[in-house]
Amino acid sequence: MTTTPKTGLGNVTPVVPSRPASTTSTTSQMDVNISVTDLYTIGIGPSSSHTVGPMRAAKRFVDRLNSEDLLLKTDRVLVELYGSLALTGHGHATDMAILLGLSGKRPSAVDPEEVQPLIAKIRTSGSISLDGAHAIPFFEDQSLLFLKDELLPEHSNGMRFYAFSKDGEELLSRDYFSVGGGYVVSHNEGDRAETRGHNISLPYPFTSADELLALGKESGLSIAEMMLANESSWRSEEETFAFLDDVNDAMINCIKRGCEGVGVLPGGLNVKRRANKLYKDLMENPERASRDPLTVLDWVNLYALAVNEENAAGGRVVTAPTNGAAGVIPAVLKYYQRFCPGVTKGGSRNFLLTAAAIGAIYKKRASISAAEMGCQGEVGVACSMAAGALTAVLGGTNEQVENAAEIGMEHNLGLTCDPIGGLVQIPCIERNTMGAMKAINACRLALSGDGVHVVSLDEVIETMRQTGVDMLSKYKETSQGGLAVNVVEC
């Protein structure tokens, strides 16, 4: 596809639909096998779709230049950001993510401590080293454009990359779309996924909760056991366990770092970090639990606050399934590990496997992108995943797991994404605490029943999808509606 950049070399006709294109165009993954490694990725904050995804896209572009022997011929690059990426990109650190990716950095490997020095060096020198190997001039006002009034038709989170030679010849152009959870797709490259091996044959293939329940009845296996068997089509069981243990450790370490963090979060809203004070209060008053039986909820609040404050500060987090909702699953997992009976390492693995199976259905049948679904697609999905996972490890049947996941989403339907100042802080941080609380309550409701209920998980997922399609774009991670316009920024 030949495109014309916004550089004075020509104009691109704006494409501004009244709402994002149908989720069946770019983000429907019905024909794609989704692994636990797609649902959980270790990266940096503050956003999976606006930070992790763009960094991956930029790295992927320079990898393409390398593979086609064009890197050393490149004298200039241009990046255009569209839709939600343009509208809230500065608050979500999309600009820094692009610079990091072009420099050859990956979200899973970049050290959060090296981010600011590298960005400062690029900005003060007016030069960027593509893939860390080839230095070219780079000035953001000319080379990184935020096209706030335009959308690419495939998805609200669109990016367009160009590389030019010294004489101005276009060497390469690519469109990428960050479709949620750090997941990146590019129709230019004929793919639908960031990772490889999605078209392999699985022993328990499913595209819906009904199919998953039917497979469970036929096999006599739990959801976690079926998911583990599917994972073995990609790698050994030991490798999957090692990955899950790494994810668990990253989540718990993120809680620990968040509890230690102090001061004010970056971005200009002057939001104070609260997790450290709450942690000290709980540790200094152990008798509090004997007077107040709801103290356990304070701990759950703490875990979610800690993760999402760390995310807002640009620290290392696990997309679960996104960064904006990164605190829900770790908070509920930590609740299981600390406050529930019979905890085992295998239980924590089963928790993550079950949650991933539920998340895969959302990715297949709808979307986990707030730019498409609003926050129901992020905190709502995380709540649903955590509710089902907790139910599973507390002894629930597959049917009760499905019931809990449905409850978790049903009571997040219509949840908007309206971050003040385009920052993943207000209402995002507290919203994760509410998502964790709802997940625990959904689990308790499901365990009190027999798994038989009126609204199925598949039906509530389709309802979420339809709600997201109908939701006005100003409520979908654009900071053009809701709290973002009704609260005066400090």
Protein backbone atom coordinates (compact mmCIF):
# COMPACT_ATOMS: atom_id res chain seq x y z
CA MET A 1 0.00 0.00 0.00
CA THR A 2 1.34 3.42 -0.95
CA THR A 3 0.56 6.25 1.43
CA THR A 4 1.48 9.92 1.52
CA PRO A 5 2.92 11.34 4.74
CA LYS A 6 1.97 14.65 6.30
CA THR A 7 5.26 16.29 5.44
CA GLY A 8 4.52 18.91 2.84
CA LEU A 9 5.03 16.16 0.25
CA GLY A 10 1.28 15.74 -0.01
CA ASN A 11 -1.88 15.22 2.03
CA VAL A 12 -3.72 12.18 3.26
CA THR A 13 -7.49 12.44 3.06
CA PRO A 14 -8.77 12.32 6.64
CA VAL A 15 -10.87 9.32 7.56
CA VAL A 16 -13.06 10.22 10.53
CA PRO A 17 -15.86 7.70 11.07
CA SER A 18 -18.45 8.56 13.71
CA ARG A 19 -17.33 5.54 15.71
CA PRO A 20 -14.52 3.00 15.40
CA ALA A 21 -14.79 0.34 12.76
CA SER A 22 -16.47 -2.91 13.73
CA THR A 23 -14.40 -5.11 15.98
CA THR A 24 -14.64 -7.83 13.37
CA SER A 25 -12.24 -5.96 11.08
CA THR A 26 -9.00 -5.77 13.05
CA THR A 27 -9.44 -7.16 16.53
CA SER A 28 -11.65 -10.19 16.01
CA GLN A 29 -9.36 -13.16 16.64
CA MET A 30 -11.88 -15.97 16.12
CA ASP A 31 -9.47 -17.84 13.84
CA VAL A 32 -6.41 -17.22 16.01
CA ASN A 33 -5.13 -19.44 18.80
CA ILE A 34 -4.29 -17.31 21.82
CA SER A 35 -1.68 -18.35 24.35
CA VAL A 36 -1.07 -17.34 27.96
CA THR A 37 1.98 -15.51 26.63
CA ASP A 38 -0.39 -13.25 24.69
CA LEU A 39 -2.51 -12.44 27.75
CA TYR A 40 0.39 -11.73 30.11
CA THR A 41 3.42 -9.75 29.00
CA ILE A 42 5.96 -8.08 31.23
CA GLY A 43 6.55 -4.48 30.21
CA ILE A 44 6.51 -0.94 31.54
CA GLY A 45 3.75 1.54 32.30
CA PRO A 46 1.61 3.44 31.95
CA SER A 47 -0.40 1.82 29.13
CA SER A 48 -0.33 -1.45 27.23
CA SER A 49 -2.09 -0.09 24.14
CA HIS A 50 -0.48 3.37 24.22
CA THR A 51 3.00 2.54 25.55
CA VAL A 52 3.79 -1.16 25.15
CA GLY A 53 2.08 -1.54 21.76
CA PRO A 54 3.67 1.53 20.13
CA MET A 55 7.10 0.53 21.45
CA ARG A 56 6.66 -2.90 19.90
CA ALA A 57 5.44 -1.37 16.64
CA ALA A 58 8.44 0.98 16.42
CA LYS A 59 10.86 -1.88 17.18
CA ARG A 60 9.09 -3.99 14.60
CA PHE A 61 9.50 -1.24 12.00
CA VAL A 62 13.27 -1.01 12.51
CA ASP A 63 13.44 -4.82 12.48
CA ARG A 64 11.75 -4.69 9.08
CA LEU A 65 14.27 -2.10 7.88
CA ASN A 66 17.02 -4.43 9.02
CA SER A 67 15.53 -7.50 7.37
CA GLU A 68 15.17 -5.68 4.04
CA ASP A 69 18.70 -4.17 4.25
CA LEU A 70 17.27 -0.67 4.41
CA LEU A 71 18.43 0.45 7.85
CA LEU A 72 21.75 1.94 6.79
CA LYS A 73 20.09 3.61 3.77
CA THR A 74 17.60 5.39 6.04
CA ASP A 75 18.28 9.08 6.62
CA ARG A 76 14.93 10.11 8.05
CA VAL A 77 11.92 8.49 9.71
CA LEU A 78 8.42 9.85 10.17
CA VAL A 79 5.78 8.50 12.54
CA GLU A 80 2.12 9.55 12.43
CA LEU A 81 -0.20 8.77 15.33
CA TYR A 82 -3.96 8.65 14.84
CA GLY A 83 -7.13 8.54 16.92
CA SER A 84 -6.79 7.70 20.59
CA LEU A 85 -3.01 7.42 20.31
CA ALA A 86 -2.87 11.02 19.12
CA LEU A 87 -5.45 12.35 21.58
CA THR A 88 -4.00 10.84 24.75
CA GLY A 89 -0.54 9.85 23.58
CA HIS A 90 1.37 12.45 25.57
CA GLY A 91 -0.36 11.46 28.81
CA HIS A 92 0.20 7.78 28.06
CA ALA A 93 3.90 8.27 27.13
CA THR A 94 3.33 7.15 23.54
CA ASP A 95 5.91 9.66 22.35
CA MET A 96 8.56 8.14 24.61
CA ALA A 97 7.51 4.61 23.63
CA ILE A 98 8.04 5.40 19.93
CA LEU A 99 11.50 6.80 20.64
CA LEU A 100 12.40 3.75 22.70
CA GLY A 101 11.18 1.32 20.06
CA LEU A 102 13.01 3.09 17.24
CA SER A 103 16.12 2.90 19.44
CA GLY A 104 15.75 -0.87 19.54
CA LYS A 105 14.21 -1.26 23.00
CA ARG A 106 11.60 -3.89 23.83
CA PRO A 107 9.00 -3.49 26.62
CA SER A 108 9.97 -6.78 28.26
CA ALA A 109 13.66 -5.93 28.41
CA VAL A 110 13.98 -2.17 28.80
CA ASP A 111 15.12 -1.01 32.23
CA PRO A 112 12.69 1.64 33.56
CA GLU A 113 15.69 3.46 35.04
CA GLU A 114 17.27 3.98 31.60
CA VAL A 115 14.15 5.41 29.94
CA GLN A 116 14.42 9.04 30.99
CA PRO A 117 18.18 9.39 30.28
CA LEU A 118 17.77 7.88 26.80
CA ILE A 119 14.78 10.09 25.96
CA ALA A 120 16.63 13.18 27.21
CA LYS A 121 19.65 12.31 25.06
CA ILE A 122 17.51 11.99 21.92
CA ARG A 123 15.72 15.25 22.57
CA THR A 124 18.79 17.30 23.40
CA SER A 125 20.95 15.93 20.58
CA GLY A 126 18.29 16.01 17.84
CA SER A 127 19.44 12.55 16.84
CA ILE A 128 18.23 9.00 17.28
CA SER A 129 20.15 5.77 16.81
CA LEU A 130 17.86 3.39 14.94
CA ASP A 131 17.98 -0.04 16.56
CA GLY A 132 20.90 1.33 18.57
CA ALA A 133 23.10 1.05 15.49
CA HIS A 134 22.41 3.81 12.93
CA ALA A 135 22.22 7.46 13.98
CA ILE A 136 19.99 9.85 12.01
CA PRO A 137 18.59 13.35 12.68
CA PHE A 138 15.34 13.30 14.67
CA PHE A 139 13.24 16.24 15.84
CA GLU A 140 9.88 15.33 17.32
CA ASP A 141 7.97 18.32 16.00
CA GLN A 142 8.86 17.21 12.48
CA SER A 143 9.19 13.44 12.82
CA LEU A 144 6.49 12.43 15.33
CA LEU A 145 3.08 13.84 14.46
CA PHE A 146 -0.04 13.62 16.63
CA LEU A 147 -2.94 13.78 14.13
CA LYS A 148 -5.73 14.34 16.64
CA ASP A 149 -8.53 14.91 14.13
CA GLU A 150 -7.93 11.79 12.07
CA LEU A 151 -8.47 8.05 12.33
CA LEU A 152 -7.26 5.12 10.32
CA PRO A 153 -10.38 3.09 9.50
CA GLU A 154 -9.17 -0.22 10.94
CA HIS A 155 -8.76 0.83 14.57
CA SER A 156 -8.59 3.92 16.78
CA ASN A 157 -5.03 3.11 17.88
CA GLY A 158 -3.36 3.50 14.50
CA MET A 159 0.27 4.31 13.67
CA ARG A 160 1.93 4.94 10.32
CA PHE A 161 5.71 4.68 9.95
CA TYR A 162 7.86 5.90 7.04
CA ALA A 163 11.56 5.62 6.24
CA PHE A 164 13.23 7.90 3.68
CA SER A 165 16.63 7.90 2.03
CA LYS A 166 18.95 10.90 1.96
CA ASP A 167 17.47 12.06 -1.37
CA GLY A 168 13.91 11.84 -0.04
CA GLU A 169 12.94 8.51 -1.59
CA GLU A 170 10.43 6.52 0.45
CA LEU A 171 12.16 3.28 1.38
CA LEU A 172 9.43 1.68 3.47
CA SER A 173 6.05 2.47 5.03
CA ARG A 174 4.00 0.41 7.44
CA ASP A 175 0.69 0.74 9.30
CA TYR A 176 0.43 -0.81 12.76
CA PHE A 177 -2.50 -1.04 15.14
CA SER A 178 -2.24 -1.41 18.90
CA VAL A 179 -5.39 -3.40 19.62
CA GLY A 180 -5.12 -3.87 23.38
CA GLY A 181 -2.86 -5.55 25.90
CA GLY A 182 0.25 -4.53 23.96
CA TYR A 183 -0.95 -6.65 21.03
CA VAL A 184 0.11 -5.24 17.63
CA VAL A 185 -1.20 -6.14 14.18
CA SER A 186 -0.20 -4.97 10.71
CA HIS A 187 -2.16 -5.72 7.55
CA ASN A 188 0.85 -4.54 5.54
CA GLU A 189 2.74 -7.55 6.78
CA GLY A 190 -0.19 -9.95 6.37
CA ASP A 191 -0.33 -10.92 10.02
CA ARG A 192 -2.91 -10.78 12.76
CA ALA A 193 -0.72 -11.25 15.79
CA GLU A 194 2.47 -10.17 17.45
CA THR A 195 3.64 -13.68 18.22
CA ARG A 196 4.00 -16.71 15.99
CA GLY A 197 2.47 -20.17 15.94
CA HIS A 198 -1.20 -19.23 16.20
CA ASN A 199 -2.38 -21.53 13.44
CA ILE A 200 -1.21 -24.74 15.08
CA SER A 201 -3.66 -27.47 16.08
CA LEU A 202 -4.76 -27.47 19.72
CA PRO A 203 -6.15 -30.48 21.63
CA TYR A 204 -8.93 -28.33 23.14
CA PRO A 205 -9.73 -25.52 20.67
CA PHE A 206 -12.41 -23.07 21.80
CA THR A 207 -13.78 -19.76 20.62
CA SER A 208 -16.52 -19.40 23.22
CA ALA A 209 -17.31 -20.19 26.83
CA ASP A 210 -20.00 -22.66 25.70
CA GLU A 211 -17.40 -24.57 23.69
CA LEU A 212 -15.01 -24.54 26.64
CA LEU A 213 -17.68 -25.92 28.98
CA ALA A 214 -18.59 -28.62 26.48
CA LEU A 215 -14.94 -29.65 26.16
CA GLY A 216 -14.73 -29.81 29.95
CA LYS A 217 -17.75 -32.08 30.19
CA GLU A 218 -16.43 -34.36 27.46
CA SER A 219 -12.88 -34.59 28.83
CA GLY A 220 -13.56 -34.34 32.56
CA LEU A 221 -10.82 -31.69 32.78
CA SER A 222 -10.83 -28.33 34.48
CA ILE A 223 -10.42 -25.13 32.47
CA ALA A 224 -6.85 -24.79 33.74
CA GLU A 225 -6.02 -28.36 32.71
CA MET A 226 -7.37 -27.81 29.20
CA MET A 227 -5.52 -24.52 28.88
CA LEU A 228 -2.29 -26.19 30.01
CA ALA A 229 -2.75 -28.95 27.45
CA ASN A 230 -3.21 -26.32 24.75
CA GLU A 231 -0.08 -24.49 25.90
CA SER A 232 1.87 -27.72 25.43
CA SER A 233 1.26 -27.36 21.69
CA TRP A 234 3.63 -24.38 21.80
CA ARG A 235 6.17 -25.44 24.40
CA SER A 236 6.90 -28.01 27.11
CA GLU A 237 4.85 -28.09 30.29
CA GLU A 238 7.94 -27.13 32.26
CA GLU A 239 8.46 -24.05 30.08
CA THR A 240 4.84 -23.00 30.57
CA PHE A 241 5.19 -23.43 34.33
CA ALA A 242 8.38 -21.35 34.28
CA PHE A 243 6.57 -18.61 32.35
CA LEU A 244 3.63 -18.62 34.77
CA ASP A 245 6.00 -18.50 37.74
CA ASP A 246 7.79 -15.53 36.17
CA VAL A 247 4.46 -13.76 35.69
CA ASN A 248 3.48 -14.51 39.28
CA ASP A 249 6.80 -13.21 40.58
CA ALA A 250 6.57 -10.07 38.44
CA MET A 251 3.07 -9.35 39.78
CA ILE A 252 4.06 -9.86 43.41
CA ASN A 253 7.26 -7.84 43.00
CA CYS A 254 5.24 -5.03 41.43
CA ILE A 255 3.00 -4.99 44.52
CA LYS A 256 6.11 -4.83 46.71
CA ARG A 257 7.64 -1.93 44.73
CA GLY A 258 4.32 -0.12 44.74
CA CYS A 259 4.10 -0.39 48.52
CA GLU A 260 7.54 1.20 48.79
CA GLY A 261 6.88 4.05 46.37
CA VAL A 262 6.40 7.56 47.73
CA GLY A 263 5.84 11.04 46.39
CA VAL A 264 3.76 12.39 43.53
CA LEU A 265 3.02 10.60 40.27
CA PRO A 266 4.39 12.19 37.08
CA GLY A 267 2.17 13.98 34.57
CA GLY A 268 1.05 17.20 36.21
CA LEU A 269 -2.06 16.13 38.14
CA ASN A 270 -0.03 16.01 41.38
CA VAL A 271 -1.62 12.71 42.39
CA LYS A 272 -0.03 11.48 45.62
CA ARG A 273 0.94 7.85 45.92
CA ARG A 274 -1.19 6.28 48.66
CA ALA A 275 -0.11 2.65 48.79
CA ASN A 276 2.91 3.27 51.01
CA LYS A 277 0.87 5.00 53.72
CA LEU A 278 -1.86 2.36 53.63
CA TYR A 279 0.76 -0.40 53.83
CA LYS A 280 2.38 1.21 56.88
CA ASP A 281 -0.99 1.70 58.56
CA LEU A 282 -1.89 -1.96 58.08
CA MET A 283 1.52 -3.21 59.25
CA GLU A 284 1.58 -0.97 62.31
CA ASN A 285 -1.93 -1.95 63.43
CA PRO A 286 -2.14 -5.75 63.19
CA GLU A 287 -4.94 -5.82 65.77
CA ARG A 288 -7.12 -3.86 63.36
CA ALA A 289 -8.37 -7.07 61.79
CA SER A 290 -9.78 -8.28 65.13
CA ARG A 291 -11.89 -5.12 65.41
CA ASP A 292 -12.85 -4.77 61.76
CA PRO A 293 -13.56 -7.97 59.80
CA LEU A 294 -13.40 -5.99 56.55
CA THR A 295 -9.70 -5.23 57.02
CA VAL A 296 -8.95 -7.89 54.42
CA LEU A 297 -10.54 -5.55 51.89
CA ASP A 298 -8.01 -2.89 52.83
CA TRP A 299 -5.27 -5.33 51.88
CA VAL A 300 -6.90 -6.01 48.52
CA ASN A 301 -7.21 -2.26 47.96
CA LEU A 302 -3.54 -1.92 48.84
CA TYR A 303 -2.44 -4.55 46.32
CA ALA A 304 -4.37 -2.95 43.46
CA LEU A 305 -3.27 0.59 44.40
CA ALA A 306 0.36 -0.49 44.61
CA VAL A 307 0.38 -2.03 41.12
CA ASN A 308 -1.42 0.80 39.40
CA GLU A 309 0.62 3.53 41.07
CA GLU A 310 3.72 1.69 39.90
CA ASN A 311 2.20 1.51 36.42
CA ALA A 312 1.38 5.23 36.42
CA ALA A 313 4.98 5.93 37.40
CA GLY A 314 6.26 4.02 34.37
CA GLY A 315 7.49 1.05 36.39
CA ARG A 316 7.60 -2.61 35.41
CA VAL A 317 4.18 -4.27 35.38
CA VAL A 318 2.42 -7.24 33.82
CA THR A 319 -0.27 -6.56 31.24
CA ALA A 320 -3.17 -8.54 32.70
CA PRO A 321 -4.73 -8.23 30.22
CA THR A 322 -3.75 -4.53 29.89
CA ASN A 323 -1.67 -2.01 31.82
CA GLY A 324 -4.64 0.19 32.65
CA ALA A 325 -6.20 -2.83 34.37
CA ALA A 326 -2.92 -4.32 35.58
CA GLY A 327 -3.83 -4.22 39.28
CA VAL A 328 -6.97 -6.37 39.32
CA ILE A 329 -5.54 -9.83 38.70
CA PRO A 330 -2.43 -9.37 40.91
CA ALA A 331 -4.62 -8.05 43.74
CA VAL A 332 -6.98 -11.03 43.59
CA LEU A 333 -4.08 -13.47 43.14
CA LYS A 334 -2.35 -12.03 46.21
CA TYR A 335 -5.65 -12.21 48.10
CA TYR A 336 -5.81 -15.94 47.23
CA GLN A 337 -2.21 -16.53 48.27
CA ARG A 338 -2.49 -14.70 51.59
CA PHE A 339 -6.04 -15.14 52.81
CA CYS A 340 -7.41 -18.36 51.32
CA PRO A 341 -6.89 -21.91 52.67
CA GLY A 342 -4.97 -24.65 50.91
CA VAL A 343 -2.77 -22.37 48.80
CA THR A 344 -0.18 -24.10 46.60
CA LYS A 345 2.18 -23.08 43.82
CA GLY A 346 0.05 -25.17 41.49
CA GLY A 347 -2.98 -23.18 42.61
CA SER A 348 -1.35 -19.93 41.57
CA ARG A 349 -0.51 -21.45 38.18
CA ASN A 350 -4.08 -22.66 37.77
CA PHE A 351 -5.32 -19.19 38.70
CA LEU A 352 -3.30 -17.63 35.86
CA LEU A 353 -4.23 -20.39 33.38
CA THR A 354 -7.95 -20.05 34.11
CA ALA A 355 -7.82 -16.28 33.88
CA ALA A 356 -5.99 -16.56 30.55
CA ALA A 357 -8.62 -18.91 29.11
CA ILE A 358 -11.34 -16.38 29.98
CA GLY A 359 -9.29 -13.51 28.60
CA ALA A 360 -8.73 -15.41 25.36
CA ILE A 361 -12.50 -15.62 24.81
CA TYR A 362 -12.80 -11.84 25.22
CA LYS A 363 -10.00 -11.29 22.71
CA LYS A 364 -11.58 -13.71 20.25
CA ARG A 365 -15.16 -12.49 20.51
CA ALA A 366 -14.76 -8.79 21.33
CA SER A 367 -11.77 -6.67 22.37
CA ILE A 368 -9.69 -5.72 25.39
CA SER A 369 -8.92 -2.26 23.99
CA ALA A 370 -10.39 0.73 25.82
CA ALA A 371 -10.13 2.65 22.56
CA GLU A 372 -12.80 0.29 21.21
CA MET A 373 -14.73 -0.87 24.27
CA GLY A 374 -14.20 1.77 26.93
CA CYS A 375 -12.96 0.64 30.34
CA GLN A 376 -15.43 -2.27 30.36
CA GLY A 377 -12.92 -3.85 27.97
CA GLU A 378 -10.04 -3.36 30.39
CA VAL A 379 -11.00 -3.28 34.08
CA GLY A 380 -14.23 -5.13 33.23
CA VAL A 381 -12.38 -7.93 31.46
CA ALA A 382 -9.73 -8.11 34.18
CA CYS A 383 -12.49 -8.37 36.79
CA SER A 384 -14.14 -11.18 34.83
CA MET A 385 -10.85 -13.04 34.43
CA ALA A 386 -9.96 -12.69 38.12
CA ALA A 387 -13.45 -13.73 39.27
CA GLY A 388 -13.34 -16.93 37.25
CA ALA A 389 -9.76 -17.69 38.26
CA LEU A 390 -10.44 -17.27 41.99
CA THR A 391 -13.52 -19.46 41.72
CA ALA A 392 -11.46 -22.20 40.07
CA VAL A 393 -8.73 -22.30 42.71
CA LEU A 394 -11.29 -22.24 45.52
CA GLY A 395 -12.78 -25.49 44.22
CA GLY A 396 -15.47 -24.23 41.86
CA THR A 397 -16.70 -26.30 38.94
CA ASN A 398 -16.18 -25.16 35.36
CA GLU A 399 -19.79 -24.00 35.35
CA GLN A 400 -19.26 -21.95 38.51
CA VAL A 401 -16.11 -20.46 36.97
CA GLU A 402 -18.09 -19.40 33.91
CA ASN A 403 -20.80 -17.98 36.18
CA ALA A 404 -18.29 -15.93 38.17
CA ALA A 405 -16.69 -14.57 35.01
CA GLU A 406 -20.13 -13.56 33.70
CA ILE A 407 -21.02 -11.77 36.94
CA GLY A 408 -17.70 -9.95 36.87
CA MET A 409 -18.45 -8.48 33.46
CA GLU A 410 -22.21 -8.01 33.80
CA HIS A 411 -21.68 -5.39 36.48
CA ASN A 412 -19.02 -3.53 34.54
CA LEU A 413 -21.07 -3.14 31.36
CA GLY A 414 -21.01 0.38 29.99
CA LEU A 415 -17.92 1.40 31.97
CA THR A 416 -16.31 4.32 30.14
CA CYS A 417 -12.65 5.24 29.73
CA ASP A 418 -12.29 8.94 30.49
CA PRO A 419 -8.83 9.54 31.99
CA ILE A 420 -8.22 13.07 33.22
CA GLY A 421 -5.37 14.67 31.29
CA GLY A 422 -4.92 11.50 29.26
CA LEU A 423 -3.06 10.00 32.22
CA VAL A 424 -3.57 6.48 33.56
CA GLN A 425 -4.27 7.85 37.04
CA ILE A 426 -7.77 9.24 37.61
CA PRO A 427 -10.04 7.26 37.64
CA CYS A 428 -7.84 4.34 36.58
CA ILE A 429 -5.97 3.63 39.82
CA GLU A 430 -9.01 3.48 42.11
CA ARG A 431 -11.00 1.72 39.40
CA ASN A 432 -8.64 -1.24 39.71
CA THR A 433 -9.43 -1.54 43.40
CA MET A 434 -13.14 -1.65 42.54
CA GLY A 435 -12.50 -4.26 39.85
CA ALA A 436 -10.67 -6.47 42.35
CA MET A 437 -13.47 -6.14 44.91
CA LYS A 438 -16.12 -7.01 42.34
CA ALA A 439 -14.10 -10.05 41.27
CA ILE A 440 -13.96 -11.42 44.80
CA ASN A 441 -17.67 -10.83 45.31
CA ALA A 442 -18.51 -12.40 41.94
CA CYS A 443 -16.56 -15.47 43.02
CA ARG A 444 -18.46 -15.72 46.30
CA LEU A 445 -21.79 -15.35 44.53
CA ALA A 446 -20.88 -18.06 42.01
CA LEU A 447 -19.64 -20.47 44.69
CA SER A 448 -22.92 -20.05 46.57
CA GLY A 449 -24.77 -21.38 43.51
CA ASP A 450 -24.56 -24.47 41.34
CA GLY A 451 -23.36 -22.84 38.13
CA VAL A 452 -26.84 -22.60 36.62
CA HIS A 453 -27.74 -19.02 35.71
CA VAL A 454 -29.75 -17.04 33.18
CA VAL A 455 -27.14 -14.91 31.39
CA SER A 456 -24.21 -16.81 29.88
CA LEU A 457 -20.64 -15.52 29.65
CA ASP A 458 -20.87 -15.57 25.85
CA GLU A 459 -24.02 -13.46 25.98
CA VAL A 460 -22.45 -10.89 28.30
CA ILE A 461 -19.32 -10.71 26.12
CA GLU A 462 -21.48 -10.02 23.06
CA THR A 463 -23.37 -7.41 25.08
CA MET A 464 -20.06 -5.78 26.01
CA ARG A 465 -19.02 -5.77 22.35
CA GLN A 466 -22.28 -4.20 21.20
CA THR A 467 -22.10 -1.64 24.01
CA GLY A 468 -18.57 -0.74 22.98
CA VAL A 469 -19.56 -0.29 19.36
CA ASP A 470 -22.48 1.97 20.36
CA MET A 471 -20.49 3.96 22.93
CA LEU A 472 -19.58 7.47 21.78
CA SER A 473 -15.90 7.76 20.94
CA LYS A 474 -15.44 10.55 23.50
CA TYR A 475 -15.87 7.93 26.23
CA LYS A 476 -13.27 5.58 24.75
CA GLU A 477 -9.79 6.67 25.85
CA THR A 478 -9.83 10.01 24.05
CA SER A 479 -10.11 12.27 27.13
CA GLN A 480 -12.86 14.15 25.30
CA GLY A 481 -15.72 13.26 27.65
CA GLY A 482 -16.71 12.24 31.17
CA LEU A 483 -14.36 13.05 34.03
CA ALA A 484 -11.72 14.18 31.57
CA VAL A 485 -13.72 17.30 30.69
CA ASN A 486 -15.79 17.81 33.87
CA VAL A 487 -12.88 17.94 36.31
CA VAL A 488 -10.50 20.89 36.17
CA GLU A 489 -6.92 19.69 35.92
CA CYS A 490 -4.71 20.81 38.80
